[in-house]
Amino acid sequence: MRMCYLLRNPAHQRGERQLMTALTQHVELGVEFVERWKTRRLLGVAGFCAILSYATMIGWGAKTGDWATGSQIGQFHLAMFSLLFIAVAWSQNHEF
């Protein structure tokens, strides 16, 4: 909890070096910064991709009258979006 406070209020540590001294003297100590997933943003992007693929499906079917091909195109878009999401999630967990 103290680390969170110090990160939110850096002026509290102005001129003091105890934190950096403690981290550099002990090699086994470290600080890891973790960013949480932004669930609303993730759901918004996923929802937008789903709506876009369904709009493509309905637009193709309404324009050409070929609903089977429109469905296949929409499913292809959903598969590509899901592969992109997997690639982004995988790249967040692996160092290059």
PDB file of N, CA and C in Angstrom:
ATOM      1  N   MET A   1       0.824  -1.194   0.000  1.00  0.00           N
ATOM      2  CA  MET A   1       0.000   0.000   0.000  1.00  0.00           C
ATOM      3  C   MET A   1       0.869   1.260   0.000  1.00  0.00           C
ATOM      4  N   ARG A   2       2.003   1.200   0.674  1.00  0.00           N
ATOM      5  CA  ARG A   2       2.882   2.374   0.709  1.00  0.00           C
ATOM      6  C   ARG A   2       3.404   2.688  -0.691  1.00  0.00           C
ATOM      7  N   MET A   3       3.697   1.666  -1.476  1.00  0.00           N
ATOM      8  CA  MET A   3       4.195   1.891  -2.826  1.00  0.00           C
ATOM      9  C   MET A   3       3.143   2.594  -3.675  1.00  0.00           C
ATOM     10  N   CYS A   4       1.894   2.199  -3.561  1.00  0.00           N
ATOM     11  CA  CYS A   4       0.826   2.856  -4.319  1.00  0.00           C
ATOM     12  C   CYS A   4       0.713   4.324  -3.914  1.00  0.00           C
ATOM     13  N   TYR A   5       0.823   4.588  -2.611  1.00  0.00           N
ATOM     14  CA  TYR A   5       0.755   5.966  -2.134  1.00  0.00           C
ATOM     15  C   TYR A   5       1.903   6.792  -2.714  1.00  0.00           C
ATOM     16  N   LEU A   6       3.103   6.222  -2.695  1.00  0.00           N
ATOM     17  CA  LEU A   6       4.257   6.967  -3.198  1.00  0.00           C
ATOM     18  C   LEU A   6       4.170   7.192  -4.705  1.00  0.00           C
ATOM     19  N   LEU A   7       3.594   6.261  -5.427  1.00  0.00           N
ATOM     20  CA  LEU A   7       3.431   6.459  -6.869  1.00  0.00           C
ATOM     21  C   LEU A   7       2.386   7.526  -7.177  1.00  0.00           C
ATOM     22  N   ARG A   8       1.354   7.605  -6.324  1.00  0.00           N
ATOM     23  CA  ARG A   8       0.321   8.628  -6.528  1.00  0.00           C
ATOM     24  C   ARG A   8       0.788  10.011  -6.066  1.00  0.00           C
ATOM     25  N   ASN A   9       1.689  10.043  -5.106  1.00  0.00           N
ATOM     26  CA  ASN A   9       2.164  11.306  -4.536  1.00  0.00           C
ATOM     27  C   ASN A   9       3.689  11.372  -4.601  1.00  0.00           C
ATOM     28  N   PRO A  10       4.253  11.581  -5.775  1.00  0.00           N
ATOM     29  CA  PRO A  10       5.712  11.585  -5.877  1.00  0.00           C
ATOM     30  C   PRO A  10       6.374  12.751  -5.148  1.00  0.00           C
ATOM     31  N   ALA A  11       5.641  13.834  -4.904  1.00  0.00           N
ATOM     32  CA  ALA A  11       6.224  14.975  -4.200  1.00  0.00           C
ATOM     33  C   ALA A  11       6.556  14.625  -2.753  1.00  0.00           C
ATOM     34  N   HIS A  12       5.923  13.600  -2.214  1.00  0.00           N
ATOM     35  CA  HIS A  12       6.191  13.184  -0.833  1.00  0.00           C
ATOM     36  C   HIS A  12       7.622  12.678  -0.674  1.00  0.00           C
ATOM     37  N   GLN A  13       8.198  12.146  -1.739  1.00  0.00           N
ATOM     38  CA  GLN A  13       9.547  11.588  -1.701  1.00  0.00           C
ATOM     39  C   GLN A  13      10.601  12.554  -2.258  1.00  0.00           C
ATOM     40  N   ARG A  14      10.231  13.774  -2.513  1.00  0.00           N
ATOM     41  CA  ARG A  14      11.154  14.729  -3.135  1.00  0.00           C
ATOM     42  C   ARG A  14      12.408  14.898  -2.284  1.00  0.00           C
ATOM     43  N   GLY A  15      13.555  14.671  -2.908  1.00  0.00           N
ATOM     44  CA  GLY A  15      14.826  14.831  -2.230  1.00  0.00           C
ATOM     45  C   GLY A  15      15.264  13.617  -1.425  1.00  0.00           C
ATOM     46  N   GLU A  16      14.423  12.626  -1.266  1.00  0.00           N
ATOM     47  CA  GLU A  16      14.776  11.438  -0.503  1.00  0.00           C
ATOM     48  C   GLU A  16      15.094  10.292  -1.457  1.00  0.00           C
ATOM     49  N   ARG A  17      16.012   9.474  -1.095  1.00  0.00           N
ATOM     50  CA  ARG A  17      16.463   8.409  -1.975  1.00  0.00           C
ATOM     51  C   ARG A  17      16.385   7.025  -1.328  1.00  0.00           C
ATOM     52  N   GLN A  18      15.645   6.885  -0.231  1.00  0.00           N
ATOM     53  CA  GLN A  18      15.607   5.595   0.459  1.00  0.00           C
ATOM     54  C   GLN A  18      15.007   4.495  -0.411  1.00  0.00           C
ATOM     55  N   LEU A  19      13.991   4.826  -1.138  1.00  0.00           N
ATOM     56  CA  LEU A  19      13.330   3.811  -1.958  1.00  0.00           C
ATOM     57  C   LEU A  19      14.280   3.263  -3.020  1.00  0.00           C
ATOM     58  N   MET A  20      14.933   4.155  -3.752  1.00  0.00           N
ATOM     59  CA  MET A  20      15.867   3.697  -4.791  1.00  0.00           C
ATOM     60  C   MET A  20      17.086   3.022  -4.174  1.00  0.00           C
ATOM     61  N   THR A  21      17.522   3.478  -3.018  1.00  0.00           N
ATOM     62  CA  THR A  21      18.652   2.837  -2.349  1.00  0.00           C
ATOM     63  C   THR A  21      18.292   1.420  -1.947  1.00  0.00           C
ATOM     64  N   ALA A  22      17.093   1.234  -1.404  1.00  0.00           N
ATOM     65  CA  ALA A  22      16.661  -0.108  -0.997  1.00  0.00           C
ATOM     66  C   ALA A  22      16.539  -1.035  -2.205  1.00  0.00           C
ATOM     67  N   LEU A  23      16.051  -0.519  -3.327  1.00  0.00           N
ATOM     68  CA  LEU A  23      15.881  -1.359  -4.517  1.00  0.00           C
ATOM     69  C   LEU A  23      17.208  -1.699  -5.168  1.00  0.00           C
ATOM     70  N   THR A  24      18.183  -0.807  -5.110  1.00  0.00           N
ATOM     71  CA  THR A  24      19.459  -1.083  -5.757  1.00  0.00           C
ATOM     72  C   THR A  24      20.421  -1.877  -4.868  1.00  0.00           C
ATOM     73  N   GLN A  25      20.250  -1.817  -3.549  1.00  0.00           N
ATOM     74  CA  GLN A  25      21.134  -2.574  -2.662  1.00  0.00           C
ATOM     75  C   GLN A  25      20.779  -4.052  -2.611  1.00  0.00           C
ATOM     76  N   HIS A  26      19.517  -4.369  -2.749  1.00  0.00           N
ATOM     77  CA  HIS A  26      19.059  -5.754  -2.670  1.00  0.00           C
ATOM     78  C   HIS A  26      18.625  -6.199  -4.064  1.00  0.00           C
ATOM     79  N   VAL A  27      19.417  -7.069  -4.657  1.00  0.00           N
ATOM     80  CA  VAL A  27      19.150  -7.511  -6.026  1.00  0.00           C
ATOM     81  C   VAL A  27      17.860  -8.329  -6.107  1.00  0.00           C
ATOM     82  N   GLU A  28      17.499  -9.018  -5.032  1.00  0.00           N
ATOM     83  CA  GLU A  28      16.307  -9.869  -5.062  1.00  0.00           C
ATOM     84  C   GLU A  28      15.003  -9.063  -4.984  1.00  0.00           C
ATOM     85  N   LEU A  29      15.083  -7.783  -4.628  1.00  0.00           N
ATOM     86  CA  LEU A  29      13.891  -6.943  -4.579  1.00  0.00           C
ATOM     87  C   LEU A  29      13.661  -6.282  -5.926  1.00  0.00           C
ATOM     88  N   GLY A  30      12.416  -6.070  -6.238  1.00  0.00           N
ATOM     89  CA  GLY A  30      12.090  -5.402  -7.492  1.00  0.00           C
ATOM     90  C   GLY A  30      10.680  -4.872  -7.455  1.00  0.00           C
ATOM     91  N   VAL A  31      10.356  -4.076  -8.418  1.00  0.00           N
ATOM     92  CA  VAL A  31       9.024  -3.506  -8.551  1.00  0.00           C
ATOM     93  C   VAL A  31       8.500  -3.902  -9.920  1.00  0.00           C
ATOM     94  N   GLU A  32       7.300  -4.440  -9.930  1.00  0.00           N
ATOM     95  CA  GLU A  32       6.670  -4.803 -11.187  1.00  0.00           C
ATOM     96  C   GLU A  32       5.404  -3.969 -11.335  1.00  0.00           C
ATOM     97  N   PHE A  33       5.303  -3.270 -12.435  1.00  0.00           N
ATOM     98  CA  PHE A  33       4.130  -2.449 -12.699  1.00  0.00           C
ATOM     99  C   PHE A  33       3.172  -3.257 -13.559  1.00  0.00           C
ATOM    100  N   VAL A  34       1.967  -3.432 -13.080  1.00  0.00           N
ATOM    101  CA  VAL A  34       0.968  -4.245 -13.768  1.00  0.00           C
ATOM    102  C   VAL A  34      -0.210  -3.355 -14.109  1.00  0.00           C
ATOM    103  N   GLU A  35      -0.589  -3.394 -15.371  1.00  0.00           N
ATOM    104  CA  GLU A  35      -1.752  -2.637 -15.802  1.00  0.00           C
ATOM    105  C   GLU A  35      -2.901  -3.600 -16.007  1.00  0.00           C
ATOM    106  N   ARG A  36      -4.016  -3.274 -15.436  1.00  0.00           N
ATOM    107  CA  ARG A  36      -5.198  -4.138 -15.566  1.00  0.00           C
ATOM    108  C   ARG A  36      -5.837  -3.957 -16.931  1.00  0.00           C
ATOM    109  N   TRP A  37      -6.582  -4.983 -17.332  1.00  0.00           N
ATOM    110  CA  TRP A  37      -7.352  -4.882 -18.568  1.00  0.00           C
ATOM    111  C   TRP A  37      -8.453  -3.859 -18.358  1.00  0.00           C
ATOM    112  N   LYS A  38      -8.681  -3.056 -19.352  1.00  0.00           N
ATOM    113  CA  LYS A  38      -9.780  -2.100 -19.313  1.00  0.00           C
ATOM    114  C   LYS A  38     -10.994  -2.803 -19.917  1.00  0.00           C
ATOM    115  N   THR A  39     -11.830  -3.354 -19.033  1.00  0.00           N
ATOM    116  CA  THR A  39     -12.913  -4.228 -19.461  1.00  0.00           C
ATOM    117  C   THR A  39     -13.910  -3.511 -20.362  1.00  0.00           C
ATOM    118  N   ARG A  40     -14.272  -2.302 -20.025  1.00  0.00           N
ATOM    119  CA  ARG A  40     -15.248  -1.583 -20.857  1.00  0.00           C
ATOM    120  C   ARG A  40     -14.708  -1.330 -22.256  1.00  0.00           C
ATOM    121  N   ARG A  41     -13.449  -0.964 -22.335  1.00  0.00           N
ATOM    122  CA  ARG A  41     -12.858  -0.723 -23.651  1.00  0.00           C
ATOM    123  C   ARG A  41     -12.786  -2.019 -24.445  1.00  0.00           C
ATOM    124  N   LEU A  42     -12.409  -3.106 -23.782  1.00  0.00           N
ATOM    125  CA  LEU A  42     -12.320  -4.396 -24.445  1.00  0.00           C
ATOM    126  C   LEU A  42     -13.688  -4.860 -24.935  1.00  0.00           C
ATOM    127  N   LEU A  43     -14.706  -4.724 -24.095  1.00  0.00           N
ATOM    128  CA  LEU A  43     -16.058  -5.090 -24.514  1.00  0.00           C
ATOM    129  C   LEU A  43     -16.572  -4.191 -25.631  1.00  0.00           C
ATOM    130  N   GLY A  44     -16.203  -2.925 -25.590  1.00  0.00           N
ATOM    131  CA  GLY A  44     -16.606  -2.006 -26.655  1.00  0.00           C
ATOM    132  C   GLY A  44     -16.009  -2.385 -27.995  1.00  0.00           C
ATOM    133  N   VAL A  45     -14.728  -2.716 -27.988  1.00  0.00           N
ATOM    134  CA  VAL A  45     -14.068  -3.112 -29.242  1.00  0.00           C
ATOM    135  C   VAL A  45     -14.627  -4.440 -29.746  1.00  0.00           C
ATOM    136  N   ALA A  46     -14.821  -5.403 -28.837  1.00  0.00           N
ATOM    137  CA  ALA A  46     -15.376  -6.698 -29.243  1.00  0.00           C
ATOM    138  C   ALA A  46     -16.803  -6.533 -29.771  1.00  0.00           C
ATOM    139  N   GLY A  47     -17.599  -5.718 -29.098  1.00  0.00           N
ATOM    140  CA  GLY A  47     -18.960  -5.464 -29.565  1.00  0.00           C
ATOM    141  C   GLY A  47     -18.986  -4.770 -30.914  1.00  0.00           C
ATOM    142  N   PHE A  48     -18.074  -3.803 -31.103  1.00  0.00           N
ATOM    143  CA  PHE A  48     -17.990  -3.122 -32.394  1.00  0.00           C
ATOM    144  C   PHE A  48     -17.628  -4.099 -33.510  1.00  0.00           C
ATOM    145  N   CYS A  49     -16.682  -4.991 -33.234  1.00  0.00           N
ATOM    146  CA  CYS A  49     -16.288  -5.991 -34.242  1.00  0.00           C
ATOM    147  C   CYS A  49     -17.451  -6.929 -34.574  1.00  0.00           C
ATOM    148  N   ALA A  50     -18.200  -7.334 -33.550  1.00  0.00           N
ATOM    149  CA  ALA A  50     -19.351  -8.217 -33.791  1.00  0.00           C
ATOM    150  C   ALA A  50     -20.429  -7.502 -34.603  1.00  0.00           C
ATOM    151  N   ILE A  51     -20.705  -6.255 -34.253  1.00  0.00           N
ATOM    152  CA  ILE A  51     -21.715  -5.489 -34.989  1.00  0.00           C
ATOM    153  C   ILE A  51     -21.267  -5.264 -36.426  1.00  0.00           C
ATOM    154  N   LEU A  52     -19.972  -4.990 -36.613  1.00  0.00           N
ATOM    155  CA  LEU A  52     -19.452  -4.793 -37.963  1.00  0.00           C
ATOM    156  C   LEU A  52     -19.576  -6.057 -38.812  1.00  0.00           C
ATOM    157  N   SER A  53     -19.293  -7.210 -38.214  1.00  0.00           N
ATOM    158  CA  SER A  53     -19.404  -8.448 -38.987  1.00  0.00           C
ATOM    159  C   SER A  53     -20.865  -8.774 -39.295  1.00  0.00           C
ATOM    160  N   TYR A  54     -21.775  -8.534 -38.336  1.00  0.00           N
ATOM    161  CA  TYR A  54     -23.192  -8.765 -38.617  1.00  0.00           C
ATOM    162  C   TYR A  54     -23.726  -7.783 -39.652  1.00  0.00           C
ATOM    163  N   ALA A  55     -23.242  -6.542 -39.614  1.00  0.00           N
ATOM    164  CA  ALA A  55     -23.668  -5.570 -40.626  1.00  0.00           C
ATOM    165  C   ALA A  55     -23.182  -5.990 -42.013  1.00  0.00           C
ATOM    166  N   THR A  56     -21.968  -6.514 -42.078  1.00  0.00           N
ATOM    167  CA  THR A  56     -21.459  -7.022 -43.358  1.00  0.00           C
ATOM    168  C   THR A  56     -22.308  -8.181 -43.844  1.00  0.00           C
ATOM    169  N   MET A  57     -22.668  -9.063 -42.921  1.00  0.00           N
ATOM    170  CA  MET A  57     -23.482 -10.226 -43.264  1.00  0.00           C
ATOM    171  C   MET A  57     -24.850  -9.797 -43.798  1.00  0.00           C
ATOM    172  N   ILE A  58     -25.492  -8.904 -43.098  1.00  0.00           N
ATOM    173  CA  ILE A  58     -26.830  -8.460 -43.501  1.00  0.00           C
ATOM    174  C   ILE A  58     -26.759  -7.619 -44.776  1.00  0.00           C
ATOM    175  N   GLY A  59     -25.729  -6.741 -44.850  1.00  0.00           N
ATOM    176  CA  GLY A  59     -25.584  -5.918 -46.059  1.00  0.00           C
ATOM    177  C   GLY A  59     -25.354  -6.749 -47.303  1.00  0.00           C
ATOM    178  N   TRP A  60     -24.490  -7.748 -47.202  1.00  0.00           N
ATOM    179  CA  TRP A  60     -24.225  -8.617 -48.356  1.00  0.00           C
ATOM    180  C   TRP A  60     -25.479  -9.396 -48.737  1.00  0.00           C
ATOM    181  N   GLY A  61     -26.148  -9.933 -47.730  1.00  0.00           N
ATOM    182  CA  GLY A  61     -27.357 -10.712 -48.017  1.00  0.00           C
ATOM    183  C   GLY A  61     -28.460  -9.872 -48.623  1.00  0.00           C
ATOM    184  N   ALA A  62     -28.627  -8.649 -48.126  1.00  0.00           N
ATOM    185  CA  ALA A  62     -29.685  -7.778 -48.654  1.00  0.00           C
ATOM    186  C   ALA A  62     -29.335  -7.280 -50.057  1.00  0.00           C
ATOM    187  N   LYS A  63     -28.076  -7.018 -50.315  1.00  0.00           N
ATOM    188  CA  LYS A  63     -27.686  -6.471 -51.615  1.00  0.00           C
ATOM    189  C   LYS A  63     -27.715  -7.526 -52.714  1.00  0.00           C
ATOM    190  N   THR A  64     -27.195  -8.729 -52.407  1.00  0.00           N
ATOM    191  CA  THR A  64     -27.088  -9.749 -53.454  1.00  0.00           C
ATOM    192  C   THR A  64     -28.180 -10.804 -53.373  1.00  0.00           C
ATOM    193  N   GLY A  65     -28.829 -10.920 -52.244  1.00  0.00           N
ATOM    194  CA  GLY A  65     -29.832 -11.968 -52.067  1.00  0.00           C
ATOM    195  C   GLY A  65     -29.212 -13.317 -51.739  1.00  0.00           C
ATOM    196  N   ASP A  66     -27.901 -13.379 -51.626  1.00  0.00           N
ATOM    197  CA  ASP A  66     -27.181 -14.618 -51.316  1.00  0.00           C
ATOM    198  C   ASP A  66     -26.812 -14.604 -49.826  1.00  0.00           C
ATOM    199  N   TRP A  67     -27.727 -15.086 -49.004  1.00  0.00           N
ATOM    200  CA  TRP A  67     -27.541 -15.022 -47.554  1.00  0.00           C
ATOM    201  C   TRP A  67     -26.484 -16.003 -47.067  1.00  0.00           C
ATOM    202  N   ALA A  68     -26.293 -17.090 -47.777  1.00  0.00           N
ATOM    203  CA  ALA A  68     -25.284 -18.064 -47.357  1.00  0.00           C
ATOM    204  C   ALA A  68     -23.874 -17.482 -47.481  1.00  0.00           C
ATOM    205  N   THR A  69     -23.607 -16.817 -48.595  1.00  0.00           N
ATOM    206  CA  THR A  69     -22.293 -16.204 -48.773  1.00  0.00           C
ATOM    207  C   THR A  69     -22.100 -15.057 -47.795  1.00  0.00           C
ATOM    208  N   GLY A  70     -23.147 -14.273 -47.552  1.00  0.00           N
ATOM    209  CA  GLY A  70     -23.074 -13.191 -46.565  1.00  0.00           C
ATOM    210  C   GLY A  70     -22.753 -13.721 -45.184  1.00  0.00           C
ATOM    211  N   SER A  71     -23.346 -14.861 -44.835  1.00  0.00           N
ATOM    212  CA  SER A  71     -23.064 -15.486 -43.546  1.00  0.00           C
ATOM    213  C   SER A  71     -21.615 -15.953 -43.468  1.00  0.00           C
ATOM    214  N   GLN A  72     -21.104 -16.510 -44.544  1.00  0.00           N
ATOM    215  CA  GLN A  72     -19.711 -16.963 -44.560  1.00  0.00           C
ATOM    216  C   GLN A  72     -18.741 -15.789 -44.443  1.00  0.00           C
ATOM    217  N   ILE A  73     -19.043 -14.692 -45.109  1.00  0.00           N
ATOM    218  CA  ILE A  73     -18.179 -13.507 -45.021  1.00  0.00           C
ATOM    219  C   ILE A  73     -18.196 -12.951 -43.603  1.00  0.00           C
ATOM    220  N   GLY A  74     -19.374 -12.886 -42.982  1.00  0.00           N
ATOM    221  CA  GLY A  74     -19.466 -12.420 -41.600  1.00  0.00           C
ATOM    222  C   GLY A  74     -18.709 -13.322 -40.638  1.00  0.00           C
ATOM    223  N   GLN A  75     -18.801 -14.618 -40.834  1.00  0.00           N
ATOM    224  CA  GLN A  75     -18.060 -15.552 -39.984  1.00  0.00           C
ATOM    225  C   GLN A  75     -16.555 -15.416 -40.195  1.00  0.00           C
ATOM    226  N   PHE A  76     -16.142 -15.157 -41.420  1.00  0.00           N
ATOM    227  CA  PHE A  76     -14.723 -14.935 -41.691  1.00  0.00           C
ATOM    228  C   PHE A  76     -14.229 -13.697 -40.942  1.00  0.00           C
ATOM    229  N   HIS A  77     -15.020 -12.621 -40.971  1.00  0.00           N
ATOM    230  CA  HIS A  77     -14.629 -11.412 -40.244  1.00  0.00           C
ATOM    231  C   HIS A  77     -14.536 -11.677 -38.748  1.00  0.00           C
ATOM    232  N   LEU A  78     -15.495 -12.400 -38.189  1.00  0.00           N
ATOM    233  CA  LEU A  78     -15.433 -12.728 -36.759  1.00  0.00           C
ATOM    234  C   LEU A  78     -14.187 -13.548 -36.431  1.00  0.00           C
ATOM    235  N   ALA A  79     -13.833 -14.487 -37.296  1.00  0.00           N
ATOM    236  CA  ALA A  79     -12.631 -15.296 -37.062  1.00  0.00           C
ATOM    237  C   ALA A  79     -11.377 -14.436 -37.112  1.00  0.00           C
ATOM    238  N   MET A  80     -11.300 -13.510 -38.043  1.00  0.00           N
ATOM    239  CA  MET A  80     -10.122 -12.639 -38.134  1.00  0.00           C
ATOM    240  C   MET A  80     -10.023 -11.723 -36.919  1.00  0.00           C
ATOM    241  N   PHE A  81     -11.168 -11.184 -36.471  1.00  0.00           N
ATOM    242  CA  PHE A  81     -11.148 -10.339 -35.278  1.00  0.00           C
ATOM    243  C   PHE A  81     -10.699 -11.130 -34.057  1.00  0.00           C
ATOM    244  N   SER A  82     -11.173 -12.361 -33.932  1.00  0.00           N
ATOM    245  CA  SER A  82     -10.779 -13.170 -32.772  1.00  0.00           C
ATOM    246  C   SER A  82      -9.294 -13.509 -32.826  1.00  0.00           C
ATOM    247  N   LEU A  83      -8.755 -13.760 -34.009  1.00  0.00           N
ATOM    248  CA  LEU A  83      -7.316 -14.005 -34.129  1.00  0.00           C
ATOM    249  C   LEU A  83      -6.507 -12.769 -33.744  1.00  0.00           C
ATOM    250  N   LEU A  84      -7.002 -11.588 -34.115  1.00  0.00           N
ATOM    251  CA  LEU A  84      -6.319 -10.360 -33.710  1.00  0.00           C
ATOM    252  C   LEU A  84      -6.327 -10.188 -32.198  1.00  0.00           C
ATOM    253  N   PHE A  85      -7.472 -10.474 -31.559  1.00  0.00           N
ATOM    254  CA  PHE A  85      -7.555 -10.372 -30.099  1.00  0.00           C
ATOM    255  C   PHE A  85      -6.595 -11.357 -29.440  1.00  0.00           C
ATOM    256  N   ILE A  86      -6.516 -12.561 -29.969  1.00  0.00           N
ATOM    257  CA  ILE A  86      -5.602 -13.561 -29.406  1.00  0.00           C
ATOM    258  C   ILE A  86      -4.157 -13.111 -29.579  1.00  0.00           C
ATOM    259  N   ALA A  87      -3.829 -12.549 -30.728  1.00  0.00           N
ATOM    260  CA  ALA A  87      -2.458 -12.085 -30.968  1.00  0.00           C
ATOM    261  C   ALA A  87      -2.086 -10.951 -30.015  1.00  0.00           C
ATOM    262  N   VAL A  88      -2.997 -10.029 -29.781  1.00  0.00           N
ATOM    263  CA  VAL A  88      -2.727  -8.931 -28.855  1.00  0.00           C
ATOM    264  C   VAL A  88      -2.563  -9.460 -27.442  1.00  0.00           C
ATOM    265  N   ALA A  89      -3.448 -10.357 -27.008  1.00  0.00           N
ATOM    266  CA  ALA A  89      -3.345 -10.920 -25.655  1.00  0.00           C
ATOM    267  C   ALA A  89      -2.063 -11.726 -25.498  1.00  0.00           C
ATOM    268  N   TRP A  90      -1.681 -12.473 -26.512  1.00  0.00           N
ATOM    269  CA  TRP A  90      -0.451 -13.266 -26.439  1.00  0.00           C
ATOM    270  C   TRP A  90       0.776 -12.356 -26.367  1.00  0.00           C
ATOM    271  N   SER A  91       0.743 -11.271 -27.145  1.00  0.00           N
ATOM    272  CA  SER A  91       1.909 -10.380 -27.136  1.00  0.00           C
ATOM    273  C   SER A  91       2.042  -9.632 -25.815  1.00  0.00           C
ATOM    274  N   GLN A  92       0.955  -9.482 -25.075  1.00  0.00           N
ATOM    275  CA  GLN A  92       1.028  -8.819 -23.771  1.00  0.00           C
ATOM    276  C   GLN A  92       1.699  -9.710 -22.730  1.00  0.00           C
ATOM    277  N   ASN A  93       1.680 -11.021 -22.938  1.00  0.00           N
ATOM    278  CA  ASN A  93       2.223 -11.946 -21.953  1.00  0.00           C
ATOM    279  C   ASN A  93       3.598 -12.486 -22.322  1.00  0.00           C
ATOM    280  N   HIS A  94       4.136 -12.117 -23.467  1.00  0.00           N
ATOM    281  CA  HIS A  94       5.432 -12.632 -23.904  1.00  0.00           C
ATOM    282  C   HIS A  94       6.354 -11.477 -24.244  1.00  0.00           C
ATOM    283  N   GLU A  95       7.608 -11.628 -23.897  1.00  0.00           N
ATOM    284  CA  GLU A  95       8.603 -10.607 -24.238  1.00  0.00           C
ATOM    285  C   GLU A  95       9.311 -11.022 -25.520  1.00  0.00           C
ATOM    286  N   PHE A  96       9.600 -10.049 -26.334  1.00  0.00           N
ATOM    287  CA  PHE A  96      10.268 -10.307 -27.612  1.00  0.00           C
ATOM    288  C   PHE A  96      11.692  -9.811 -27.557  1.00  0.00           C
TER     289      PHE A  96
END
